């Protein structure tokens, strides 16, 4: 969320951000509602002041008729206040809806463009593997080596369902553990956050309202202690980010305790409603997966938060380098980064069967856009209160990363070379064979 005072004084900057991010937000209407909202508040405050004066007159007056007349006037005033307060609630609701849609201002160095075509490659690591035999995709490898079963997965779970089996299951959890240990070494506090979360958390993180269709809502909300069904909607988290950020909702932190570095290990659920027809084959785009997510909360200082953006990216790259997986870093353009992002990178890892890099990591600086929604502030040394900057990045997400790992390491005899860094988790086994 953007500060309304900033919007009032810099409407052209906000309109420019809307245009660059392809966000359809009527800023003129927002400012019109804002002025009307403030005028209604002033009117109500004036009327309440009149009521206070009238109450004082009633207390001081000893004339019954005079008191009666004042009471009648107060009753009329109460009706006017009720009417204006009702009007204010309607206006305030529209104000809040539009405010939630106002995008963050993109960084000056973010590529400007309407779609992913304008994203810019800024770094590449590793040699793309060359094979002297006909390669297989991860599903073919998984079937032949008894690692992946999508047929049974669809039978049990429906479209995009899957089973990881045998060494694939071990690889899946070894990747999680490798990433967890890396984050612990980097000084991040480890969390296993809830994946069933309340609506405010998704509004606060910015997943609502724009990406609501991508989030699963739970049909059976559960029951309270008195056995009555709760009517509060609950949702399945698509990433640990909303839970980790909301952990500090409505808190005022001390500057000396910043930055806060936290890491969430969780199952993730996404409906993928907006990806109809995309990546339907294999393990690339799934409804359910596991992820290690890193989050940093720091001071309201753009240089500091961008420094953390770079450091978080480097941590993810370290893991990919440990796995010896070729990858590249993409700086995301304004029209592809989402409304809450100030600056964003994707890391894409080489996937031979696609003959292309595929997104495996996403690294974002949201400045104060989330903290204003969740009311997370910190107290400076001068005792001033400021909103924190928030950042998030993928440490590892599986089984998508298994596509690259299995395909890049396939051998001519049909086996798969296990990356050296993962072998201790698989009994020092070097190859996966029939």
Protein backbone atom coordinates (compact mmCIF):
# COMPACT_ATOMS: atom_id res chain seq x y z
CA UNK A 1 0.00 0.00 0.00
CA UNK A 2 1.21 3.49 -0.84
CA UNK A 3 0.94 6.37 1.63
CA UNK A 4 -2.17 8.39 0.71
CA UNK A 5 -0.30 11.61 1.51
CA UNK A 6 2.26 10.69 -1.15
CA UNK A 7 -0.52 9.95 -3.64
CA UNK A 8 -2.17 13.32 -2.94
CA UNK A 9 1.02 15.26 -3.59
CA UNK A 10 2.45 13.05 -6.37
CA UNK A 11 -0.49 11.80 -8.46
CA UNK A 12 1.51 11.85 -11.69
CA UNK A 13 4.18 9.54 -10.24
CA UNK A 14 1.48 7.07 -9.18
CA UNK A 15 -0.25 7.27 -12.57
CA UNK A 16 3.10 6.58 -14.23
CA UNK A 17 3.58 3.51 -11.99
CA UNK A 18 0.09 2.29 -12.94
CA UNK A 19 0.89 2.65 -16.61
CA UNK A 20 4.25 0.87 -16.34
CA UNK A 21 2.73 -1.98 -14.34
CA UNK A 22 -0.39 -2.33 -16.51
CA UNK A 23 -2.49 -1.65 -13.39
CA UNK A 24 -5.95 -0.34 -14.12
CA UNK A 25 -6.47 2.00 -11.18
CA UNK A 26 -8.43 5.25 -11.42
CA UNK A 27 -6.22 7.57 -9.39
CA UNK A 28 -8.45 10.58 -10.08
CA UNK A 29 -11.40 8.69 -8.62
CA UNK A 30 -9.27 7.69 -5.62
CA UNK A 31 -8.38 11.33 -4.94
CA UNK A 32 -12.02 12.38 -5.39
CA UNK A 33 -13.14 9.75 -2.86
CA UNK A 34 -10.32 10.70 -0.53
CA UNK A 35 -11.45 14.34 -0.50
CA UNK A 36 -15.09 13.38 0.02
CA UNK A 37 -14.07 10.97 2.78
CA UNK A 38 -12.10 13.68 4.58
CA UNK A 39 -14.97 16.16 4.21
CA UNK A 40 -17.43 13.68 5.74
CA UNK A 41 -15.02 13.09 8.65
CA UNK A 42 -14.74 16.82 9.25
CA UNK A 43 -18.54 17.16 9.17
CA UNK A 44 -19.02 14.33 11.69
CA UNK A 45 -16.36 15.80 13.96
CA UNK A 46 -18.07 19.21 13.83
CA UNK A 47 -21.43 17.64 14.67
CA UNK A 48 -19.95 15.71 17.57
CA UNK A 49 -18.44 18.94 18.85
CA UNK A 50 -21.93 20.48 18.68
CA UNK A 51 -23.28 17.53 20.67
CA UNK A 52 -20.65 18.02 23.36
CA UNK A 53 -21.57 21.69 23.66
CA UNK A 54 -25.26 20.77 23.84
CA UNK A 55 -24.54 18.25 26.61
CA UNK A 56 -22.72 20.94 28.58
CA UNK A 57 -25.71 23.29 28.16
CA UNK A 58 -28.08 20.60 29.43
CA UNK A 59 -25.95 20.10 32.52
CA UNK A 60 -25.81 23.82 33.26
CA UNK A 61 -29.41 24.68 32.41
CA UNK A 62 -32.05 24.71 35.14
CA UNK A 63 -34.89 25.49 32.73
CA UNK A 64 -36.91 22.38 31.83
CA UNK A 65 -38.22 23.81 28.52
CA UNK A 66 -34.73 24.86 27.49
CA UNK A 67 -33.42 21.36 28.21
CA UNK A 68 -36.27 19.87 26.21
CA UNK A 69 -35.48 22.05 23.18
CA UNK A 70 -31.79 21.15 23.34
CA UNK A 71 -32.61 17.43 23.55
CA UNK A 72 -34.84 17.71 20.46
CA UNK A 73 -32.03 19.42 18.57
CA UNK A 74 -29.62 16.69 19.65
CA UNK A 75 -31.98 14.01 18.36
CA UNK A 76 -32.07 15.72 14.97
CA UNK A 77 -28.30 15.99 15.07
CA UNK A 78 -27.98 12.28 15.89
CA UNK A 79 -30.03 11.39 12.81
CA UNK A 80 -27.78 13.54 10.65
CA UNK A 81 -24.69 11.93 12.15
CA UNK A 82 -26.10 8.44 11.53
CA UNK A 83 -26.81 9.34 7.91
CA UNK A 84 -23.34 10.78 7.32
CA UNK A 85 -21.62 7.88 9.08
CA UNK A 86 -23.48 5.44 6.82
CA UNK A 87 -22.39 7.45 3.79
CA UNK A 88 -18.83 7.53 5.13
CA UNK A 89 -18.73 3.72 5.52
CA UNK A 90 -19.73 3.28 1.88
CA UNK A 91 -17.16 5.80 0.68
CA UNK A 92 -14.48 4.39 2.97
CA UNK A 93 -15.09 0.88 1.62
CA UNK A 94 -14.52 2.05 -1.95
CA UNK A 95 -11.46 3.99 -0.80
CA UNK A 96 -9.93 0.88 0.80
CA UNK A 97 -10.64 -1.26 -2.27
CA UNK A 98 -8.88 1.17 -4.61
CA UNK A 99 -5.99 1.73 -2.19
CA UNK A 100 -5.28 -2.02 -2.17
CA UNK A 101 -4.91 -1.91 -5.95
CA UNK A 102 -2.47 1.02 -6.13
CA UNK A 103 0.89 -0.42 -7.27
CA UNK A 104 4.26 0.11 -5.73
CA UNK A 105 6.59 2.43 -7.64
CA UNK A 106 9.10 0.36 -9.66
CA UNK A 107 12.81 1.03 -9.29
CA UNK A 108 14.44 3.32 -11.81
CA UNK A 109 16.58 0.48 -13.15
CA UNK A 110 13.68 -1.94 -13.68
CA UNK A 111 13.16 -2.58 -17.41
CA UNK A 112 9.99 -0.90 -18.64
CA UNK A 113 7.67 -3.15 -20.60
CA UNK A 114 4.23 -4.71 -20.71
CA UNK A 115 5.17 -8.40 -20.61
CA UNK A 116 7.93 -10.93 -19.93
CA UNK A 117 9.34 -10.17 -23.39
CA UNK A 118 10.92 -7.07 -21.83
CA UNK A 119 12.65 -8.94 -18.99
CA UNK A 120 16.43 -8.56 -19.06
CA UNK A 121 19.07 -11.23 -18.53
CA UNK A 122 21.78 -9.80 -16.29
CA UNK A 123 23.84 -12.83 -15.32
CA UNK A 124 24.50 -16.42 -16.37
CA UNK A 125 26.39 -19.23 -14.61
CA UNK A 126 27.50 -22.69 -15.70
CA UNK A 127 27.76 -24.51 -19.00
CA UNK A 128 24.59 -25.87 -20.55
CA UNK A 129 25.14 -29.67 -20.76
CA UNK A 130 25.67 -31.22 -24.17
CA UNK A 131 24.62 -34.81 -24.72
CA UNK A 132 25.88 -37.30 -27.30
CA UNK A 133 22.72 -39.36 -26.97
CA UNK A 134 18.97 -38.84 -27.28
CA UNK A 135 17.91 -37.26 -23.99
CA UNK A 136 14.81 -38.10 -21.99
CA UNK A 137 12.58 -35.72 -20.07
CA UNK A 138 12.15 -36.01 -16.32
CA UNK A 139 8.87 -37.92 -16.61
CA UNK A 140 10.46 -40.55 -18.86
CA UNK A 141 13.44 -40.81 -16.52
CA UNK A 142 11.12 -40.96 -13.53
CA UNK A 143 9.06 -43.74 -15.03
CA UNK A 144 12.02 -45.88 -16.10
CA UNK A 145 13.81 -45.50 -12.76
CA UNK A 146 10.63 -45.75 -10.66
CA UNK A 147 10.99 -42.21 -9.31
CA UNK A 148 7.86 -40.38 -10.46
CA UNK A 149 4.30 -41.58 -11.03
CA UNK A 150 1.95 -38.99 -12.52
CA UNK A 151 -0.63 -41.58 -13.64
CA UNK A 152 -1.31 -42.65 -10.06
CA UNK A 153 -1.02 -39.02 -8.98
CA UNK A 154 -3.84 -38.00 -11.31
CA UNK A 155 -5.93 -40.94 -10.12
CA UNK A 156 -5.57 -39.88 -6.49
CA UNK A 157 -5.23 -36.09 -6.70
CA UNK A 158 -6.60 -35.09 -10.10
CA UNK A 159 -5.00 -32.90 -12.74
CA UNK A 160 -1.32 -32.10 -11.97
CA UNK A 161 -1.21 -34.80 -9.28
CA UNK A 162 2.01 -36.77 -8.79
CA UNK A 163 3.90 -39.22 -6.59
CA UNK A 164 7.62 -38.93 -5.84
CA UNK A 165 9.09 -42.35 -5.10
CA UNK A 166 12.30 -43.97 -3.88
CA UNK A 167 15.38 -41.84 -4.64
CA UNK A 168 13.19 -38.96 -5.93
CA UNK A 169 11.61 -38.72 -2.48
CA UNK A 170 15.07 -38.74 -0.92
CA UNK A 171 16.29 -36.08 -3.35
CA UNK A 172 13.24 -33.96 -2.57
CA UNK A 173 13.89 -33.94 1.16
CA UNK A 174 17.67 -33.74 0.79
CA UNK A 175 17.20 -30.52 -1.19
CA UNK A 176 15.04 -29.17 1.63
CA UNK A 177 17.63 -30.11 4.23
CA UNK A 178 20.52 -28.72 2.18
CA UNK A 179 18.65 -25.42 1.90
CA UNK A 180 17.67 -25.33 5.56
CA UNK A 181 21.28 -25.82 6.64
CA UNK A 182 22.40 -23.11 4.21
CA UNK A 183 19.90 -20.64 5.68
CA UNK A 184 20.94 -21.54 9.23
CA UNK A 185 24.56 -20.86 8.27
CA UNK A 186 23.52 -17.49 6.81
CA UNK A 187 21.97 -16.46 10.14
CA UNK A 188 18.29 -16.92 9.26
CA UNK A 189 15.88 -18.05 11.96
CA UNK A 190 13.99 -21.18 10.92
CA UNK A 191 10.18 -21.39 10.99
CA UNK A 192 7.65 -24.05 10.07
CA UNK A 193 4.70 -21.68 9.51
CA UNK A 194 0.99 -22.45 9.27
CA UNK A 195 -0.30 -23.17 5.78
CA UNK A 196 -3.96 -22.67 6.70
CA UNK A 197 -4.18 -18.91 7.05
CA UNK A 198 -6.66 -16.09 7.55
CA UNK A 199 -7.67 -13.56 4.92
CA UNK A 200 -5.89 -10.57 6.49
CA UNK A 201 -2.55 -12.30 5.95
CA UNK A 202 -3.14 -12.63 2.20
CA UNK A 203 -4.41 -9.06 1.94
CA UNK A 204 -1.37 -7.89 3.88
CA UNK A 205 1.10 -9.75 1.69
CA UNK A 206 -0.62 -8.46 -1.43
CA UNK A 207 -1.87 -11.81 -2.74
CA UNK A 208 -5.40 -10.44 -2.30
CA UNK A 209 -7.27 -8.97 -4.04
CA UNK A 210 -5.42 -9.27 -7.39
CA UNK A 211 -4.35 -12.96 -7.21
CA UNK A 212 -7.34 -14.29 -5.30
CA UNK A 213 -8.17 -16.87 -7.97
CA UNK A 214 -4.77 -18.49 -7.46
CA UNK A 215 -5.47 -19.26 -3.78
CA UNK A 216 -7.44 -22.26 -2.50
CA UNK A 217 -10.23 -21.42 -0.06
CA UNK A 218 -11.11 -24.13 2.45
CA UNK A 219 -14.75 -25.20 2.21
CA UNK A 220 -14.98 -26.68 5.72
CA UNK A 221 -13.84 -23.84 7.98
CA UNK A 222 -13.83 -25.94 11.15
CA UNK A 223 -15.58 -25.51 14.48
CA UNK A 224 -15.09 -23.34 17.51
CA UNK A 225 -14.77 -24.60 21.06
CA UNK A 226 -18.56 -24.28 21.49
CA UNK A 227 -18.92 -26.63 18.47
CA UNK A 228 -20.46 -23.92 16.34
CA UNK A 229 -19.07 -23.65 12.81
CA UNK A 230 -16.80 -20.66 12.28
CA UNK A 231 -17.79 -18.40 9.40
CA UNK A 232 -14.36 -16.82 8.96
CA UNK A 233 -12.93 -17.85 5.57
CA UNK A 234 -9.64 -19.73 5.68
CA UNK A 235 -7.15 -20.33 2.87
CA UNK A 236 -4.24 -22.57 1.90
CA UNK A 237 -0.99 -20.62 1.55
CA UNK A 238 0.81 -20.73 -1.80
CA UNK A 239 4.08 -19.77 -0.11
CA UNK A 240 5.39 -19.22 3.42
CA UNK A 241 5.71 -15.48 2.71
CA UNK A 242 2.23 -14.36 3.97
CA UNK A 243 2.65 -16.25 7.25
CA UNK A 244 6.21 -15.03 7.84
CA UNK A 245 5.40 -11.38 7.11
CA UNK A 246 2.15 -11.47 9.12
CA UNK A 247 4.02 -12.85 12.12
CA UNK A 248 4.93 -9.20 12.82
CA UNK A 249 1.56 -7.63 11.92
CA UNK A 250 0.57 -4.65 14.10
CA UNK A 251 3.95 -4.65 15.84
CA UNK A 252 6.40 -1.80 16.39
CA UNK A 253 9.91 -3.20 16.31
CA UNK A 254 13.10 -1.62 17.65
CA UNK A 255 15.61 -0.42 15.08
CA UNK A 256 18.39 -2.24 16.94
CA UNK A 257 16.61 -5.56 16.25
CA UNK A 258 16.67 -5.01 12.47
CA UNK A 259 17.24 -6.60 10.07
CA UNK A 260 15.07 -9.61 10.87
CA UNK A 261 16.10 -12.64 8.78
CA UNK A 262 13.64 -15.53 8.78
CA UNK A 263 13.14 -18.66 6.74
CA UNK A 264 9.97 -20.72 6.30
CA UNK A 265 9.78 -24.41 5.37
CA UNK A 266 6.31 -25.36 4.21
CA UNK A 267 4.01 -27.21 1.89
CA UNK A 268 2.52 -24.83 -0.69
CA UNK A 269 -0.79 -24.89 -2.58
CA UNK A 270 -1.72 -23.01 -5.74
CA UNK A 271 -4.78 -23.37 -7.92
CA UNK A 272 -2.90 -22.21 -11.05
CA UNK A 273 -6.24 -20.87 -12.28
CA UNK A 274 -4.50 -18.25 -14.41
CA UNK A 275 -2.23 -20.74 -16.18
CA UNK A 276 -4.75 -22.72 -18.20
CA UNK A 277 -2.93 -24.66 -20.92
CA UNK A 278 0.55 -23.69 -19.67
CA UNK A 279 3.19 -26.25 -18.68
CA UNK A 280 0.68 -29.07 -18.32
CA UNK A 281 3.31 -31.78 -18.79
CA UNK A 282 5.39 -33.01 -15.89
CA UNK A 283 6.36 -31.37 -12.62
CA UNK A 284 6.79 -27.76 -13.68
CA UNK A 285 3.45 -26.25 -12.66
CA UNK A 286 1.77 -28.04 -9.75
CA UNK A 287 -1.07 -27.56 -7.29
CA UNK A 288 1.02 -28.81 -4.36
CA UNK A 289 4.75 -28.61 -3.68
CA UNK A 290 7.28 -27.85 -0.94
CA UNK A 291 9.36 -24.74 -0.61
CA UNK A 292 11.97 -23.08 1.57
CA UNK A 293 11.35 -19.33 1.56
CA UNK A 294 13.57 -16.55 2.89
CA UNK A 295 12.23 -13.22 4.18
CA UNK A 296 14.09 -10.12 5.32
CA UNK A 297 12.56 -7.21 7.26
CA UNK A 298 14.81 -4.16 7.41
CA UNK A 299 14.92 -0.40 7.92
CA UNK A 300 13.17 2.07 5.62
CA UNK A 301 16.30 2.56 3.56
CA UNK A 302 16.25 1.71 -0.14
CA UNK A 303 20.00 1.16 -0.33
CA UNK A 304 19.85 -1.30 2.55
CA UNK A 305 16.83 -3.22 1.22
CA UNK A 306 18.33 -3.46 -2.27
CA UNK A 307 21.52 -4.78 -0.68
CA UNK A 308 19.44 -7.54 0.91
CA UNK A 309 17.75 -8.20 -2.45
CA UNK A 310 21.18 -8.93 -3.93
CA UNK A 311 22.30 -11.01 -0.96
CA UNK A 312 19.15 -13.16 -1.01
CA UNK A 313 19.66 -13.78 -4.72
CA UNK A 314 23.25 -14.82 -4.07
CA UNK A 315 22.16 -17.35 -1.43
CA UNK A 316 19.85 -19.05 -3.94
CA UNK A 317 22.61 -19.01 -6.54
CA UNK A 318 25.01 -20.59 -4.06
CA UNK A 319 22.66 -23.55 -3.75
CA UNK A 320 22.34 -23.90 -7.51
CA UNK A 321 26.13 -23.71 -7.82
CA UNK A 322 26.47 -26.37 -5.09
CA UNK A 323 24.17 -28.53 -7.23
CA UNK A 324 26.19 -27.55 -10.34
CA UNK A 325 23.02 -26.53 -12.17
CA UNK A 326 23.42 -23.97 -14.98
CA UNK A 327 21.21 -20.96 -14.43
CA UNK A 328 20.67 -17.32 -15.31
CA UNK A 329 19.34 -14.26 -13.49
CA UNK A 330 16.56 -12.21 -15.07
CA UNK A 331 15.63 -8.70 -13.96
CA UNK A 332 11.85 -8.51 -14.24
CA UNK A 333 10.23 -5.69 -16.17
CA UNK A 334 7.55 -3.39 -14.77
CA UNK A 335 4.62 -5.10 -16.47
CA UNK A 336 5.62 -8.59 -15.31
CA UNK A 337 6.66 -7.99 -11.70
CA UNK A 338 3.28 -7.68 -9.96
CA UNK A 339 1.80 -4.58 -8.39
CA UNK A 340 3.57 -4.82 -5.02
CA UNK A 341 7.13 -5.19 -6.26
CA UNK A 342 9.66 -2.34 -6.33
CA UNK A 343 12.40 -4.45 -7.86
CA UNK A 344 12.43 -8.13 -8.77
CA UNK A 345 14.67 -10.88 -10.08
CA UNK A 346 13.87 -14.39 -11.28
CA UNK A 347 16.45 -17.15 -11.38
CA UNK A 348 15.91 -19.61 -14.20
CA UNK A 349 17.59 -23.02 -14.25
CA UNK A 350 18.44 -25.00 -17.40
CA UNK A 351 15.94 -27.76 -18.24
CA UNK A 352 17.19 -29.86 -21.17
CA UNK A 353 13.83 -31.29 -22.26
CA UNK A 354 12.53 -27.73 -22.68
CA UNK A 355 15.78 -26.70 -24.36
CA UNK A 356 15.42 -23.56 -22.28
CA UNK A 357 15.80 -22.08 -18.84
CA UNK A 358 12.78 -22.44 -16.53
CA UNK A 359 11.93 -20.24 -13.55
CA UNK A 360 12.91 -21.81 -10.23
CA UNK A 361 13.38 -18.79 -7.92
CA UNK A 362 11.78 -15.38 -7.43
CA UNK A 363 13.45 -12.55 -5.48
CA UNK A 364 11.54 -9.34 -4.63
CA UNK A 365 11.89 -6.05 -2.78
CA UNK A 366 8.48 -4.64 -1.81
CA UNK A 367 9.78 -1.66 0.23
CA UNK A 368 6.94 -0.48 2.55
CA UNK A 369 4.10 -1.75 0.35
CA UNK A 370 3.38 -4.80 2.55
CA UNK A 371 4.29 -3.25 5.90
CA UNK A 372 1.71 -0.48 5.47
CA UNK A 373 -0.98 -3.09 4.78
CA UNK A 374 0.05 -5.12 7.84
CA UNK A 375 1.01 -2.14 10.03
CA UNK A 376 4.58 -3.28 10.74
CA UNK A 377 6.73 -0.40 11.95
CA UNK A 378 9.93 0.21 13.83
CA UNK A 379 11.05 2.82 16.32
CA UNK A 380 14.16 4.70 15.26
CA UNK A 381 16.95 5.83 17.59
CA UNK A 382 15.28 9.26 17.55
CA UNK A 383 12.00 7.61 18.73
CA UNK A 384 10.28 8.17 15.38
CA UNK A 385 8.08 5.43 13.92
CA UNK A 386 8.65 4.26 10.35
CA UNK A 387 7.34 1.39 8.23
CA UNK A 388 9.81 -1.42 7.55
CA UNK A 389 10.91 -2.70 4.15
CA UNK A 390 10.05 -6.33 3.37
CA UNK A 391 11.73 -8.72 0.94
CA UNK A 392 11.20 -12.36 0.00
CA UNK A 393 12.95 -14.94 -2.14
CA UNK A 394 12.79 -18.63 -2.97
CA UNK A 395 15.59 -20.66 -1.43
CA UNK A 396 14.45 -23.89 -3.13
CA UNK A 397 11.14 -25.24 -4.46
CA UNK A 398 10.63 -28.91 -5.15
CA UNK A 399 9.73 -30.89 -7.17
CA UNK A 400 10.20 -28.23 -9.90
CA UNK A 401 13.95 -28.11 -9.30
CA UNK A 402 14.02 -31.90 -9.81
CA UNK A 403 13.30 -31.30 -13.51
CA UNK A 404 16.67 -29.61 -13.91
CA UNK A 405 18.46 -31.92 -11.52
CA UNK A 406 17.30 -35.17 -13.14
CA UNK A 407 17.55 -34.01 -16.74
CA UNK A 408 20.94 -32.27 -16.50
CA UNK A 409 22.49 -35.28 -14.76
CA UNK A 410 21.14 -38.07 -16.97
CA UNK A 411 23.69 -40.53 -18.34
CA UNK A 412 23.92 -42.45 -21.59
CA UNK A 413 23.12 -45.75 -19.85
CA UNK A 414 19.84 -44.32 -18.50
CA UNK A 415 21.14 -43.68 -14.98
CA UNK A 416 21.27 -40.32 -13.19
CA UNK A 417 24.37 -38.89 -11.56
CA UNK A 418 23.54 -37.63 -8.07
CA UNK A 419 25.10 -34.21 -7.33
CA UNK A 420 28.01 -34.70 -4.94
CA UNK A 421 26.57 -32.29 -2.36
CA UNK A 422 23.44 -34.48 -2.02
CA UNK A 423 25.11 -37.89 -1.84
CA UNK A 424 25.50 -37.91 1.98
CA UNK A 425 21.69 -37.76 2.21
CA UNK A 426 21.37 -40.83 -0.03
CA UNK A 427 23.86 -43.11 1.69
CA UNK A 428 26.74 -41.77 -0.47
CA UNK A 429 25.06 -43.31 -3.50
CA UNK A 430 26.60 -41.89 -6.72
CA UNK A 431 24.04 -42.96 -9.33
CA UNK A 432 20.35 -43.72 -9.55
CA UNK A 433 20.04 -46.88 -11.63
CA UNK A 434 17.42 -49.44 -12.58
